[in-house]
Amino acid sequence: MFENLDYAIVQLVHNFGAAAVVGVAIFALYPAAQPVPIQRKFAWLVGIGWAAQALSGMGFSAVSYYFYEKLPDLHGVAFAALLIKIMCAAGGFGIAVMYLRRAAGWTVEQRRAAWKLLIALGVTALTAAAFLRWFA
């Protein structure tokens, strides 16, 4: 019972992180969201979303280790999908931090390119998650 509860709590955090990294990044491209101060708030949300993705991803392993005394046995497609998700999380978090530090000096086109890259990383991570789930 507690195992399922623990997995559900980790999944809840993981789902909200996924919603943030994709949904907020898409919304940031919406014309009404273009002022830099608003985009900075969105960058914070996306960065926190990527951190939630990484931490909750580790949470899945921690719960597995706690209850089964071993990490999940991933190989082939599932392992590749996990590596893709990790790279997306690292890249997405890094771009969000860079956005917060430097975007005030960027052109509109550069800011839009950053959001498009964040969207692509989020969609790629969500796609990899499906493969990780069903090939694990």
C-alpha atoms as a PDB file:
ATOM      1  CA  MET A   1       0.000   0.000   0.000  1.00  0.00           C
ATOM      2  CA  PHE A   2       2.686   2.524   0.967  1.00  0.00           C
ATOM      3  CA  GLU A   3       4.696   1.622  -2.107  1.00  0.00           C
ATOM      4  CA  ASN A   4       1.804   2.652  -4.364  1.00  0.00           C
ATOM      5  CA  LEU A   5       1.235   5.832  -2.356  1.00  0.00           C
ATOM      6  CA  ASP A   6       4.911   6.754  -2.629  1.00  0.00           C
ATOM      7  CA  TYR A   7       4.928   6.123  -6.380  1.00  0.00           C
ATOM      8  CA  ALA A   8       1.716   8.150  -6.759  1.00  0.00           C
ATOM      9  CA  ILE A   9       3.171  11.136  -4.889  1.00  0.00           C
ATOM     10  CA  VAL A  10       6.336  11.047  -6.997  1.00  0.00           C
ATOM     11  CA  GLN A  11       4.201  10.721 -10.142  1.00  0.00           C
ATOM     12  CA  LEU A  12       2.113  13.722  -9.074  1.00  0.00           C
ATOM     13  CA  VAL A  13       5.210  15.914  -8.788  1.00  0.00           C
ATOM     14  CA  HIS A  14       6.522  14.507 -12.068  1.00  0.00           C
ATOM     15  CA  ASN A  15       3.240  15.273 -13.878  1.00  0.00           C
ATOM     16  CA  PHE A  16       3.089  18.867 -12.628  1.00  0.00           C
ATOM     17  CA  GLY A  17       6.717  19.346 -13.644  1.00  0.00           C
ATOM     18  CA  ALA A  18       5.924  18.017 -17.123  1.00  0.00           C
ATOM     19  CA  ALA A  19       2.924  20.320 -17.416  1.00  0.00           C
ATOM     20  CA  ALA A  20       5.072  23.294 -16.423  1.00  0.00           C
ATOM     21  CA  VAL A  21       7.979  22.629 -18.777  1.00  0.00           C
ATOM     22  CA  VAL A  22       5.720  22.279 -21.802  1.00  0.00           C
ATOM     23  CA  GLY A  23       2.643  24.366 -20.972  1.00  0.00           C
ATOM     24  CA  VAL A  24       4.382  27.415 -19.545  1.00  0.00           C
ATOM     25  CA  ALA A  25       6.943  27.474 -22.363  1.00  0.00           C
ATOM     26  CA  ILE A  26       4.160  27.349 -24.968  1.00  0.00           C
ATOM     27  CA  PHE A  27       2.231  30.082 -23.184  1.00  0.00           C
ATOM     28  CA  ALA A  28       5.361  32.273 -23.061  1.00  0.00           C
ATOM     29  CA  LEU A  29       5.201  32.548 -26.863  1.00  0.00           C
ATOM     30  CA  TYR A  30       1.664  33.922 -26.700  1.00  0.00           C
ATOM     31  CA  PRO A  31       1.715  37.615 -27.746  1.00  0.00           C
ATOM     32  CA  ALA A  32       0.176  38.867 -24.486  1.00  0.00           C
ATOM     33  CA  ALA A  33       3.023  37.247 -22.555  1.00  0.00           C
ATOM     34  CA  GLN A  34       5.820  39.084 -24.345  1.00  0.00           C
ATOM     35  CA  PRO A  35       6.900  41.694 -21.758  1.00  0.00           C
ATOM     36  CA  VAL A  36      10.260  40.654 -20.289  1.00  0.00           C
ATOM     37  CA  PRO A  37       9.149  40.812 -16.610  1.00  0.00           C
ATOM     38  CA  ILE A  38       6.356  38.327 -17.344  1.00  0.00           C
ATOM     39  CA  GLN A  39       8.689  36.099 -19.335  1.00  0.00           C
ATOM     40  CA  ARG A  40      11.120  36.078 -16.395  1.00  0.00           C
ATOM     41  CA  LYS A  41       8.344  34.697 -14.193  1.00  0.00           C
ATOM     42  CA  PHE A  42       7.653  32.059 -16.825  1.00  0.00           C
ATOM     43  CA  ALA A  43      11.367  31.210 -16.955  1.00  0.00           C
ATOM     44  CA  TRP A  44      11.305  30.680 -13.180  1.00  0.00           C
ATOM     45  CA  LEU A  45       8.316  28.351 -13.525  1.00  0.00           C
ATOM     46  CA  VAL A  46       9.945  26.383 -16.344  1.00  0.00           C
ATOM     47  CA  GLY A  47      13.213  26.121 -14.389  1.00  0.00           C
ATOM     48  CA  ILE A  48      11.345  24.898 -11.314  1.00  0.00           C
ATOM     49  CA  GLY A  49       9.426  22.487 -13.534  1.00  0.00           C
ATOM     50  CA  TRP A  50      12.657  21.024 -14.898  1.00  0.00           C
ATOM     51  CA  ALA A  51      14.053  20.734 -11.367  1.00  0.00           C
ATOM     52  CA  ALA A  52      10.851  18.939 -10.318  1.00  0.00           C
ATOM     53  CA  GLN A  53      11.272  16.590 -13.292  1.00  0.00           C
ATOM     54  CA  ALA A  54      14.838  15.732 -12.315  1.00  0.00           C
ATOM     55  CA  LEU A  55      14.143  15.327  -8.610  1.00  0.00           C
ATOM     56  CA  SER A  56      10.986  13.290  -9.095  1.00  0.00           C
ATOM     57  CA  GLY A  57      12.784  11.140 -11.667  1.00  0.00           C
ATOM     58  CA  MET A  58      15.336  10.348  -8.989  1.00  0.00           C
ATOM     59  CA  GLY A  59      12.398   9.818  -6.634  1.00  0.00           C
ATOM     60  CA  PHE A  60      11.150   6.925  -8.769  1.00  0.00           C
ATOM     61  CA  SER A  61      14.531   5.233  -8.353  1.00  0.00           C
ATOM     62  CA  ALA A  62      14.604   5.969  -4.636  1.00  0.00           C
ATOM     63  CA  VAL A  63      11.171   4.421  -4.090  1.00  0.00           C
ATOM     64  CA  SER A  64      12.167   1.358  -6.111  1.00  0.00           C
ATOM     65  CA  TYR A  65      15.372   1.007  -4.149  1.00  0.00           C
ATOM     66  CA  TYR A  66      13.602   1.447  -0.814  1.00  0.00           C
ATOM     67  CA  PHE A  67      10.971  -1.211  -1.502  1.00  0.00           C
ATOM     68  CA  TYR A  68      12.971  -3.669  -3.658  1.00  0.00           C
ATOM     69  CA  GLU A  69      16.559  -2.937  -2.566  1.00  0.00           C
ATOM     70  CA  LYS A  70      17.590  -2.493  -6.193  1.00  0.00           C
ATOM     71  CA  LEU A  71      17.276   0.097  -8.912  1.00  0.00           C
ATOM     72  CA  PRO A  72      14.977  -0.504 -11.871  1.00  0.00           C
ATOM     73  CA  ASP A  73      16.552  -2.786 -14.483  1.00  0.00           C
ATOM     74  CA  LEU A  74      16.558  -0.595 -17.578  1.00  0.00           C
ATOM     75  CA  HIS A  75      18.085  -1.632 -20.877  1.00  0.00           C
ATOM     76  CA  GLY A  76      17.713  -0.996 -24.578  1.00  0.00           C
ATOM     77  CA  VAL A  77      14.973   1.449 -25.517  1.00  0.00           C
ATOM     78  CA  ALA A  78      14.063   2.243 -21.901  1.00  0.00           C
ATOM     79  CA  PHE A  79      17.658   3.130 -21.008  1.00  0.00           C
ATOM     80  CA  ALA A  80      18.001   5.312 -24.101  1.00  0.00           C
ATOM     81  CA  ALA A  81      14.727   7.055 -23.220  1.00  0.00           C
ATOM     82  CA  LEU A  82      15.976   7.716 -19.691  1.00  0.00           C
ATOM     83  CA  LEU A  83      19.197   9.230 -21.037  1.00  0.00           C
ATOM     84  CA  ILE A  84      17.186  11.455 -23.378  1.00  0.00           C
ATOM     85  CA  LYS A  85      14.999  12.613 -20.475  1.00  0.00           C
ATOM     86  CA  ILE A  86      18.078  13.382 -18.366  1.00  0.00           C
ATOM     87  CA  MET A  87      19.670  15.374 -21.191  1.00  0.00           C
ATOM     88  CA  CYS A  88      16.425  17.284 -21.769  1.00  0.00           C
ATOM     89  CA  ALA A  89      16.128  18.103 -18.060  1.00  0.00           C
ATOM     90  CA  ALA A  90      19.734  19.309 -17.853  1.00  0.00           C
ATOM     91  CA  GLY A  91      19.382  21.340 -21.031  1.00  0.00           C
ATOM     92  CA  GLY A  92      16.000  22.775 -20.100  1.00  0.00           C
ATOM     93  CA  PHE A  93      17.138  23.764 -16.634  1.00  0.00           C
ATOM     94  CA  GLY A  94      20.292  25.308 -18.067  1.00  0.00           C
ATOM     95  CA  ILE A  95      18.394  27.324 -20.671  1.00  0.00           C
ATOM     96  CA  ALA A  96      15.923  28.549 -18.040  1.00  0.00           C
ATOM     97  CA  VAL A  97      18.807  29.714 -15.837  1.00  0.00           C
ATOM     98  CA  MET A  98      20.531  31.358 -18.803  1.00  0.00           C
ATOM     99  CA  TYR A  99      17.253  33.064 -19.700  1.00  0.00           C
ATOM    100  CA  LEU A 100      16.958  34.473 -16.193  1.00  0.00           C
ATOM    101  CA  ARG A 101      20.530  35.752 -16.235  1.00  0.00           C
ATOM    102  CA  ARG A 102      20.869  37.089 -19.774  1.00  0.00           C
ATOM    103  CA  ALA A 103      17.548  37.453 -21.606  1.00  0.00           C
ATOM    104  CA  ALA A 104      17.170  41.134 -20.706  1.00  0.00           C
ATOM    105  CA  GLY A 105      19.929  41.838 -23.234  1.00  0.00           C
ATOM    106  CA  TRP A 106      18.560  39.509 -25.899  1.00  0.00           C
ATOM    107  CA  THR A 107      16.549  40.494 -28.933  1.00  0.00           C
ATOM    108  CA  VAL A 108      12.916  39.420 -29.239  1.00  0.00           C
ATOM    109  CA  GLU A 109      14.008  36.781 -31.759  1.00  0.00           C
ATOM    110  CA  GLN A 110      16.594  35.371 -29.355  1.00  0.00           C
ATOM    111  CA  ARG A 111      14.045  35.170 -26.533  1.00  0.00           C
ATOM    112  CA  ARG A 112      11.528  33.465 -28.840  1.00  0.00           C
ATOM    113  CA  ALA A 113      14.211  31.008 -29.958  1.00  0.00           C
ATOM    114  CA  ALA A 114      14.940  30.145 -26.318  1.00  0.00           C
ATOM    115  CA  TRP A 115      11.243  29.458 -25.667  1.00  0.00           C
ATOM    116  CA  LYS A 116      11.003  27.334 -28.808  1.00  0.00           C
ATOM    117  CA  LEU A 117      14.021  25.330 -27.684  1.00  0.00           C
ATOM    118  CA  LEU A 118      12.466  24.887 -24.231  1.00  0.00           C
ATOM    119  CA  ILE A 119       9.251  23.666 -25.884  1.00  0.00           C
ATOM    120  CA  ALA A 120      11.209  21.203 -28.041  1.00  0.00           C
ATOM    121  CA  LEU A 121      13.063  19.853 -25.009  1.00  0.00           C
ATOM    122  CA  GLY A 122       9.807  19.469 -23.080  1.00  0.00           C
ATOM    123  CA  VAL A 123       8.045  17.669 -25.921  1.00  0.00           C
ATOM    124  CA  THR A 124      11.087  15.434 -26.443  1.00  0.00           C
ATOM    125  CA  ALA A 125      11.165  14.540 -22.743  1.00  0.00           C
ATOM    126  CA  LEU A 126       7.438  13.733 -22.764  1.00  0.00           C
ATOM    127  CA  THR A 127       7.899  11.544 -25.820  1.00  0.00           C
ATOM    128  CA  ALA A 128      10.829   9.743 -24.215  1.00  0.00           C
ATOM    129  CA  ALA A 129       8.711   9.229 -21.088  1.00  0.00           C
ATOM    130  CA  ALA A 130       6.224   7.164 -23.086  1.00  0.00           C
ATOM    131  CA  PHE A 131       9.009   4.907 -24.344  1.00  0.00           C
ATOM    132  CA  LEU A 132      10.549   4.671 -20.885  1.00  0.00           C
ATOM    133  CA  ARG A 133       7.194   3.671 -19.398  1.00  0.00           C
ATOM    134  CA  TRP A 134       6.358   0.962 -21.917  1.00  0.00           C
ATOM    135  CA  PHE A 135       9.804  -0.468 -22.617  1.00  0.00           C
ATOM    136  CA  ALA A 136      10.957  -0.640 -18.989  1.00  0.00           C
END
